[in-house]
Amino acid sequence: MWYGARDETGMGAAMAPRDAGSANGGQPDEGEAEAAVHTLLSHLGGAPDARTAPRVLDAFRTLFGGYGEDPTAFLERTFAETDGYDEMIVLNGVTFVSHSADDMLPIVGTAHIGYIPQRRVVGVSKLARVVDILARRLQHQERLTVEIADTIQAVLQPHGVAVVLRARHHGTGVRPAAQDTSDVVTSRMLGSFRSDQATRRQFQAVTGLTGG
């Protein structure tokens, strides 16, 4: 297992794609996208028919649908009846599927999220939606960890946020065959989770995680 940590440092933005040079402001239209898929599959030795490219694009719209959604919108609606609750809330073991920004191969794992409300409490299903939206983009696991934590912190403004991702990367040639079953673990601790060791230990106990 490889364990990586992220605290309150920023992460670099992903490299912007090249301008495709199409007439609609640089973003390829449907026909150009389908032609690109057809060209790629043909280059690889496939024999795509007229239905292949549209189906591939539909699959990509599902896999990368997070680009069309705003994760903050799911955190705006909070529960007024929980005003005054100020103990830790933990959502444990949220399954996610993302894809590497380097080679587009799958990153499959689970997210563990904790926060200590200051005033606002949100439904746990909304936290899961934040994970899903941000995961359904081309990602690096470290950046995904940061984005989940920072989104929750920015909208809910709790006393603290903890996010831990444990995932398996399916990139070929990334690690020796003997390590194919290794998990990558990344974390981001904000507020009281970063400053208070007892709070961190409580989160680790509830989620069954360890710091080493």
C-alpha atoms as a PDB file:
ATOM      1  CA  MET A   1       0.000   0.000   0.000  1.00  0.00           C
ATOM      2  CA  TRP A   2       1.252   3.481  -0.853  1.00  0.00           C
ATOM      3  CA  TYR A   3       0.103   6.212   1.504  1.00  0.00           C
ATOM      4  CA  GLY A   4       0.084   9.826   0.392  1.00  0.00           C
ATOM      5  CA  ALA A   5      -1.022  12.841   2.418  1.00  0.00           C
ATOM      6  CA  ARG A   6      -2.314  16.263   1.450  1.00  0.00           C
ATOM      7  CA  ASP A   7      -2.970  19.022   3.954  1.00  0.00           C
ATOM      8  CA  GLU A   8      -3.772  22.641   3.071  1.00  0.00           C
ATOM      9  CA  THR A   9      -1.576  23.029   0.015  1.00  0.00           C
ATOM     10  CA  GLY A  10      -3.032  23.669  -3.413  1.00  0.00           C
ATOM     11  CA  MET A  11      -2.938  21.268  -6.308  1.00  0.00           C
ATOM     12  CA  GLY A  12      -2.017  22.234  -9.849  1.00  0.00           C
ATOM     13  CA  ALA A  13      -4.677  22.414 -12.499  1.00  0.00           C
ATOM     14  CA  ALA A  14      -4.873  19.824 -15.239  1.00  0.00           C
ATOM     15  CA  MET A  15      -3.272  20.653 -18.546  1.00  0.00           C
ATOM     16  CA  ALA A  16      -5.784  22.289 -20.855  1.00  0.00           C
ATOM     17  CA  PRO A  17      -6.623  20.380 -24.039  1.00  0.00           C
ATOM     18  CA  ARG A  18      -5.441  21.712 -27.351  1.00  0.00           C
ATOM     19  CA  ASP A  19      -7.816  23.880 -29.331  1.00  0.00           C
ATOM     20  CA  ALA A  20      -9.455  21.617 -31.892  1.00  0.00           C
ATOM     21  CA  GLY A  21      -9.884  24.573 -34.207  1.00  0.00           C
ATOM     22  CA  SER A  22     -13.558  23.933 -34.917  1.00  0.00           C
ATOM     23  CA  ALA A  23     -15.948  26.674 -35.852  1.00  0.00           C
ATOM     24  CA  ASN A  24     -17.819  26.743 -32.527  1.00  0.00           C
ATOM     25  CA  GLY A  25     -15.193  28.458 -30.395  1.00  0.00           C
ATOM     26  CA  GLY A  26     -12.675  25.624 -30.287  1.00  0.00           C
ATOM     27  CA  GLN A  27     -14.894  22.858 -28.873  1.00  0.00           C
ATOM     28  CA  PRO A  28     -15.366  20.011 -31.367  1.00  0.00           C
ATOM     29  CA  ASP A  29     -18.951  19.419 -32.462  1.00  0.00           C
ATOM     30  CA  GLU A  30     -20.713  16.050 -32.503  1.00  0.00           C
ATOM     31  CA  GLY A  31     -19.559  15.151 -36.005  1.00  0.00           C
ATOM     32  CA  GLU A  32     -15.934  15.980 -35.282  1.00  0.00           C
ATOM     33  CA  ALA A  33     -16.010  13.962 -32.068  1.00  0.00           C
ATOM     34  CA  GLU A  34     -17.488  10.925 -33.825  1.00  0.00           C
ATOM     35  CA  ALA A  35     -14.921  11.214 -36.611  1.00  0.00           C
ATOM     36  CA  ALA A  36     -12.118  11.312 -34.033  1.00  0.00           C
ATOM     37  CA  VAL A  37     -13.419   8.158 -32.345  1.00  0.00           C
ATOM     38  CA  HIS A  38     -13.706   6.395 -35.710  1.00  0.00           C
ATOM     39  CA  THR A  39     -10.159   7.448 -36.640  1.00  0.00           C
ATOM     40  CA  LEU A  40      -8.702   6.275 -33.334  1.00  0.00           C
ATOM     41  CA  LEU A  41     -10.401   2.881 -33.411  1.00  0.00           C
ATOM     42  CA  SER A  42      -9.402   2.379 -37.043  1.00  0.00           C
ATOM     43  CA  HIS A  43      -5.821   3.326 -36.224  1.00  0.00           C
ATOM     44  CA  LEU A  44      -5.786   0.645 -33.512  1.00  0.00           C
ATOM     45  CA  GLY A  45      -6.896  -1.974 -36.015  1.00  0.00           C
ATOM     46  CA  GLY A  46     -10.592  -2.039 -35.251  1.00  0.00           C
ATOM     47  CA  ALA A  47     -13.396  -2.019 -37.772  1.00  0.00           C
ATOM     48  CA  PRO A  48     -15.932   0.463 -36.343  1.00  0.00           C
ATOM     49  CA  ASP A  49     -19.280   0.650 -38.092  1.00  0.00           C
ATOM     50  CA  ALA A  50     -21.651   3.612 -38.257  1.00  0.00           C
ATOM     51  CA  ARG A  51     -23.071   2.859 -34.794  1.00  0.00           C
ATOM     52  CA  THR A  52     -19.760   2.490 -32.966  1.00  0.00           C
ATOM     53  CA  ALA A  53     -18.687   6.127 -32.612  1.00  0.00           C
ATOM     54  CA  PRO A  54     -22.057   7.402 -31.293  1.00  0.00           C
ATOM     55  CA  ARG A  55     -22.126   4.600 -28.721  1.00  0.00           C
ATOM     56  CA  VAL A  56     -18.578   5.362 -27.605  1.00  0.00           C
ATOM     57  CA  LEU A  57     -19.492   9.035 -27.208  1.00  0.00           C
ATOM     58  CA  ASP A  58     -22.549   8.092 -25.155  1.00  0.00           C
ATOM     59  CA  ALA A  59     -20.339   5.976 -22.904  1.00  0.00           C
ATOM     60  CA  PHE A  60     -17.900   8.855 -22.516  1.00  0.00           C
ATOM     61  CA  ARG A  61     -20.739  11.208 -21.587  1.00  0.00           C
ATOM     62  CA  THR A  62     -21.561   8.866 -18.723  1.00  0.00           C
ATOM     63  CA  LEU A  63     -17.975   8.238 -17.634  1.00  0.00           C
ATOM     64  CA  PHE A  64     -17.056  11.927 -17.760  1.00  0.00           C
ATOM     65  CA  GLY A  65     -20.444  13.446 -16.961  1.00  0.00           C
ATOM     66  CA  GLY A  66     -18.960  15.282 -13.992  1.00  0.00           C
ATOM     67  CA  TYR A  67     -17.790  18.070 -16.276  1.00  0.00           C
ATOM     68  CA  GLY A  68     -21.406  19.078 -16.825  1.00  0.00           C
ATOM     69  CA  GLU A  69     -22.390  19.215 -13.140  1.00  0.00           C
ATOM     70  CA  ASP A  70     -21.610  21.603 -10.304  1.00  0.00           C
ATOM     71  CA  PRO A  71     -20.836  19.711  -7.065  1.00  0.00           C
ATOM     72  CA  THR A  72     -21.452  22.774  -4.915  1.00  0.00           C
ATOM     73  CA  ALA A  73     -25.117  22.816  -5.942  1.00  0.00           C
ATOM     74  CA  PHE A  74     -25.742  19.560  -4.053  1.00  0.00           C
ATOM     75  CA  LEU A  75     -24.440  21.039  -0.801  1.00  0.00           C
ATOM     76  CA  GLU A  76     -26.484  24.233  -0.807  1.00  0.00           C
ATOM     77  CA  ARG A  77     -29.623  22.666   0.693  1.00  0.00           C
ATOM     78  CA  THR A  78     -29.065  21.860   4.364  1.00  0.00           C
ATOM     79  CA  PHE A  79     -31.279  20.671   7.215  1.00  0.00           C
ATOM     80  CA  ALA A  80     -32.596  23.513   9.395  1.00  0.00           C
ATOM     81  CA  GLU A  81     -33.872  20.997  11.967  1.00  0.00           C
ATOM     82  CA  THR A  82     -30.301  19.908  12.742  1.00  0.00           C
ATOM     83  CA  ASP A  83     -29.150  23.382  13.799  1.00  0.00           C
ATOM     84  CA  GLY A  84     -27.008  23.056  16.899  1.00  0.00           C
ATOM     85  CA  TYR A  85     -25.555  19.654  16.038  1.00  0.00           C
ATOM     86  CA  ASP A  86     -21.789  20.002  16.318  1.00  0.00           C
ATOM     87  CA  GLU A  87     -20.413  16.466  16.561  1.00  0.00           C
ATOM     88  CA  MET A  88     -18.538  14.575  13.862  1.00  0.00           C
ATOM     89  CA  ILE A  89     -20.477  13.229  10.879  1.00  0.00           C
ATOM     90  CA  VAL A  90     -18.822  10.434   8.899  1.00  0.00           C
ATOM     91  CA  LEU A  91     -19.765   8.891   5.563  1.00  0.00           C
ATOM     92  CA  ASN A  92     -17.782   5.686   5.223  1.00  0.00           C
ATOM     93  CA  GLY A  93     -16.928   3.665   2.117  1.00  0.00           C
ATOM     94  CA  VAL A  94     -18.389   5.620  -0.817  1.00  0.00           C
ATOM     95  CA  THR A  95     -17.492   3.683  -3.971  1.00  0.00           C
ATOM     96  CA  PHE A  96     -16.217   5.752  -6.889  1.00  0.00           C
ATOM     97  CA  VAL A  97     -14.866   5.158 -10.384  1.00  0.00           C
ATOM     98  CA  SER A  98     -12.616   7.758 -11.940  1.00  0.00           C
ATOM     99  CA  HIS A  99     -10.151   7.801 -14.824  1.00  0.00           C
ATOM    100  CA  SER A 100      -6.535   8.860 -14.862  1.00  0.00           C
ATOM    101  CA  ALA A 101      -5.720  12.223 -16.392  1.00  0.00           C
ATOM    102  CA  ASP A 102      -2.486  10.639 -17.629  1.00  0.00           C
ATOM    103  CA  ASP A 103      -3.735   7.577 -19.531  1.00  0.00           C
ATOM    104  CA  MET A 104      -7.559   7.525 -19.058  1.00  0.00           C
ATOM    105  CA  LEU A 105      -7.389   4.105 -17.394  1.00  0.00           C
ATOM    106  CA  PRO A 106      -9.681   3.407 -14.417  1.00  0.00           C
ATOM    107  CA  ILE A 107      -9.110   4.437 -10.830  1.00  0.00           C
ATOM    108  CA  VAL A 108     -11.533   2.462  -8.662  1.00  0.00           C
ATOM    109  CA  GLY A 109     -11.850   2.947  -4.942  1.00  0.00           C
ATOM    110  CA  THR A 110     -13.713   4.130  -1.879  1.00  0.00           C
ATOM    111  CA  ALA A 111     -13.945   7.526  -0.207  1.00  0.00           C
ATOM    112  CA  HIS A 112     -14.239   8.172   3.521  1.00  0.00           C
ATOM    113  CA  ILE A 113     -15.511  11.623   4.506  1.00  0.00           C
ATOM    114  CA  GLY A 114     -15.872  13.305   7.870  1.00  0.00           C
ATOM    115  CA  TYR A 115     -16.821  16.819   8.890  1.00  0.00           C
ATOM    116  CA  ILE A 116     -17.722  18.686  12.059  1.00  0.00           C
ATOM    117  CA  PRO A 117     -20.606  21.093  11.396  1.00  0.00           C
ATOM    118  CA  GLN A 118     -20.443  24.674  12.493  1.00  0.00           C
ATOM    119  CA  ARG A 119     -24.025  25.483  11.537  1.00  0.00           C
ATOM    120  CA  ARG A 120     -24.940  23.556   8.392  1.00  0.00           C
ATOM    121  CA  VAL A 121     -25.662  19.821   8.091  1.00  0.00           C
ATOM    122  CA  VAL A 122     -26.240  18.238   4.685  1.00  0.00           C
ATOM    123  CA  GLY A 123     -27.751  14.885   3.747  1.00  0.00           C
ATOM    124  CA  VAL A 124     -25.107  12.186   3.421  1.00  0.00           C
ATOM    125  CA  SER A 125     -26.349  11.307  -0.065  1.00  0.00           C
ATOM    126  CA  LYS A 126     -25.269  14.797  -1.150  1.00  0.00           C
ATOM    127  CA  LEU A 127     -21.727  14.085   0.005  1.00  0.00           C
ATOM    128  CA  ALA A 128     -21.758  10.933  -2.109  1.00  0.00           C
ATOM    129  CA  ARG A 129     -22.907  12.998  -5.098  1.00  0.00           C
ATOM    130  CA  VAL A 130     -19.972  15.367  -4.641  1.00  0.00           C
ATOM    131  CA  VAL A 131     -17.600  12.394  -4.786  1.00  0.00           C
ATOM    132  CA  ASP A 132     -19.341  11.015  -7.880  1.00  0.00           C
ATOM    133  CA  ILE A 133     -19.346  14.311  -9.793  1.00  0.00           C
ATOM    134  CA  LEU A 134     -15.699  15.071  -9.150  1.00  0.00           C
ATOM    135  CA  ALA A 135     -14.654  11.470  -9.831  1.00  0.00           C
ATOM    136  CA  ARG A 136     -16.385  11.472 -13.215  1.00  0.00           C
ATOM    137  CA  ARG A 137     -13.711  13.744 -14.629  1.00  0.00           C
ATOM    138  CA  LEU A 138     -10.162  13.004 -15.724  1.00  0.00           C
ATOM    139  CA  GLN A 139      -8.328  13.035 -12.414  1.00  0.00           C
ATOM    140  CA  HIS A 140      -5.227  12.438 -10.399  1.00  0.00           C
ATOM    141  CA  GLN A 141      -6.148  10.819  -7.104  1.00  0.00           C
ATOM    142  CA  GLU A 142      -4.350  13.512  -5.135  1.00  0.00           C
ATOM    143  CA  ARG A 143      -6.260  16.272  -6.872  1.00  0.00           C
ATOM    144  CA  LEU A 144      -9.566  14.438  -6.468  1.00  0.00           C
ATOM    145  CA  THR A 145      -8.925  14.174  -2.729  1.00  0.00           C
ATOM    146  CA  VAL A 146      -8.248  17.905  -2.493  1.00  0.00           C
ATOM    147  CA  GLU A 147     -11.265  18.869  -4.602  1.00  0.00           C
ATOM    148  CA  ILE A 148     -13.694  16.824  -2.494  1.00  0.00           C
ATOM    149  CA  ALA A 149     -12.407  18.278   0.776  1.00  0.00           C
ATOM    150  CA  ASP A 150     -12.189  21.856  -0.474  1.00  0.00           C
ATOM    151  CA  THR A 151     -15.692  21.765  -1.978  1.00  0.00           C
ATOM    152  CA  ILE A 152     -17.208  20.625   1.325  1.00  0.00           C
ATOM    153  CA  GLN A 153     -15.187  23.191   3.269  1.00  0.00           C
ATOM    154  CA  ALA A 154     -16.106  26.073   0.947  1.00  0.00           C
ATOM    155  CA  VAL A 155     -19.862  25.430   0.935  1.00  0.00           C
ATOM    156  CA  LEU A 156     -20.630  24.081   4.417  1.00  0.00           C
ATOM    157  CA  GLN A 157     -17.869  25.991   6.249  1.00  0.00           C
ATOM    158  CA  PRO A 158     -17.580  23.381   9.005  1.00  0.00           C
ATOM    159  CA  HIS A 159     -15.064  23.319  11.855  1.00  0.00           C
ATOM    160  CA  GLY A 160     -13.117  20.732   9.891  1.00  0.00           C
ATOM    161  CA  VAL A 161     -13.162  18.267   6.990  1.00  0.00           C
ATOM    162  CA  ALA A 162     -11.383  14.944   6.553  1.00  0.00           C
ATOM    163  CA  VAL A 163     -11.239  13.034   3.271  1.00  0.00           C
ATOM    164  CA  VAL A 164      -9.408   9.761   2.670  1.00  0.00           C
ATOM    165  CA  LEU A 165      -9.434   7.929  -0.676  1.00  0.00           C
ATOM    166  CA  ARG A 166      -8.253   4.353  -1.084  1.00  0.00           C
ATOM    167  CA  ALA A 167      -8.082   3.283  -4.718  1.00  0.00           C
ATOM    168  CA  ARG A 168      -6.549   0.840  -7.161  1.00  0.00           C
ATOM    169  CA  HIS A 169      -5.011   2.223 -10.336  1.00  0.00           C
ATOM    170  CA  HIS A 170      -5.399   0.094 -13.443  1.00  0.00           C
ATOM    171  CA  GLY A 171      -2.742   1.810 -15.540  1.00  0.00           C
ATOM    172  CA  THR A 172      -0.507  -0.577 -17.483  1.00  0.00           C
ATOM    173  CA  GLY A 173       3.207  -0.296 -16.847  1.00  0.00           C
ATOM    174  CA  VAL A 174       2.739   1.990 -13.838  1.00  0.00           C
ATOM    175  CA  ARG A 175       4.038  -0.545 -11.320  1.00  0.00           C
ATOM    176  CA  PRO A 176       5.596  -4.032 -11.464  1.00  0.00           C
ATOM    177  CA  ALA A 177       3.256  -7.003 -11.846  1.00  0.00           C
ATOM    178  CA  ALA A 178       3.940  -8.062  -8.253  1.00  0.00           C
ATOM    179  CA  GLN A 179       2.352  -4.806  -7.055  1.00  0.00           C
ATOM    180  CA  ASP A 180      -0.789  -4.911  -9.191  1.00  0.00           C
ATOM    181  CA  THR A 181      -2.908  -5.476  -6.083  1.00  0.00           C
ATOM    182  CA  SER A 182      -1.544  -2.431  -4.246  1.00  0.00           C
ATOM    183  CA  ASP A 183      -3.860   0.363  -3.186  1.00  0.00           C
ATOM    184  CA  VAL A 184      -3.062   4.060  -3.211  1.00  0.00           C
ATOM    185  CA  VAL A 185      -4.282   6.008  -0.179  1.00  0.00           C
ATOM    186  CA  THR A 186      -4.465   9.801  -0.134  1.00  0.00           C
ATOM    187  CA  SER A 187      -5.803  12.118   2.536  1.00  0.00           C
ATOM    188  CA  ARG A 188      -6.635  15.754   3.143  1.00  0.00           C
ATOM    189  CA  MET A 189      -7.278  17.153   6.599  1.00  0.00           C
ATOM    190  CA  LEU A 190      -8.661  20.657   7.120  1.00  0.00           C
ATOM    191  CA  GLY A 191      -9.503  22.662  10.227  1.00  0.00           C
ATOM    192  CA  SER A 192      -9.858  20.695  13.449  1.00  0.00           C
ATOM    193  CA  PHE A 193      -8.953  17.413  11.735  1.00  0.00           C
ATOM    194  CA  ARG A 194      -5.568  18.901  10.941  1.00  0.00           C
ATOM    195  CA  SER A 195      -4.942  20.785  14.172  1.00  0.00           C
ATOM    196  CA  ASP A 196      -6.356  18.323  16.726  1.00  0.00           C
ATOM    197  CA  GLN A 197      -4.792  14.882  16.947  1.00  0.00           C
ATOM    198  CA  ALA A 198      -7.665  13.515  19.044  1.00  0.00           C
ATOM    199  CA  THR A 199     -10.181  14.491  16.339  1.00  0.00           C
ATOM    200  CA  ARG A 200      -8.028  12.774  13.723  1.00  0.00           C
ATOM    201  CA  ARG A 201      -7.830   9.627  15.820  1.00  0.00           C
ATOM    202  CA  GLN A 202     -11.602   9.591  16.299  1.00  0.00           C
ATOM    203  CA  PHE A 203     -12.110   9.794  12.538  1.00  0.00           C
ATOM    204  CA  GLN A 204      -9.632   6.977  11.967  1.00  0.00           C
ATOM    205  CA  ALA A 205     -11.374   4.828  14.577  1.00  0.00           C
ATOM    206  CA  VAL A 206     -14.828   5.358  13.075  1.00  0.00           C
ATOM    207  CA  THR A 207     -13.652   4.611   9.532  1.00  0.00           C
ATOM    208  CA  GLY A 208     -11.300   1.779  10.466  1.00  0.00           C
ATOM    209  CA  LEU A 209      -8.380   3.634   8.885  1.00  0.00           C
ATOM    210  CA  THR A 210      -4.861   4.005  10.206  1.00  0.00           C
ATOM    211  CA  GLY A 211      -2.352   6.764   9.619  1.00  0.00           C
ATOM    212  CA  GLY A 212       0.543   4.579   8.536  1.00  0.00           C
END
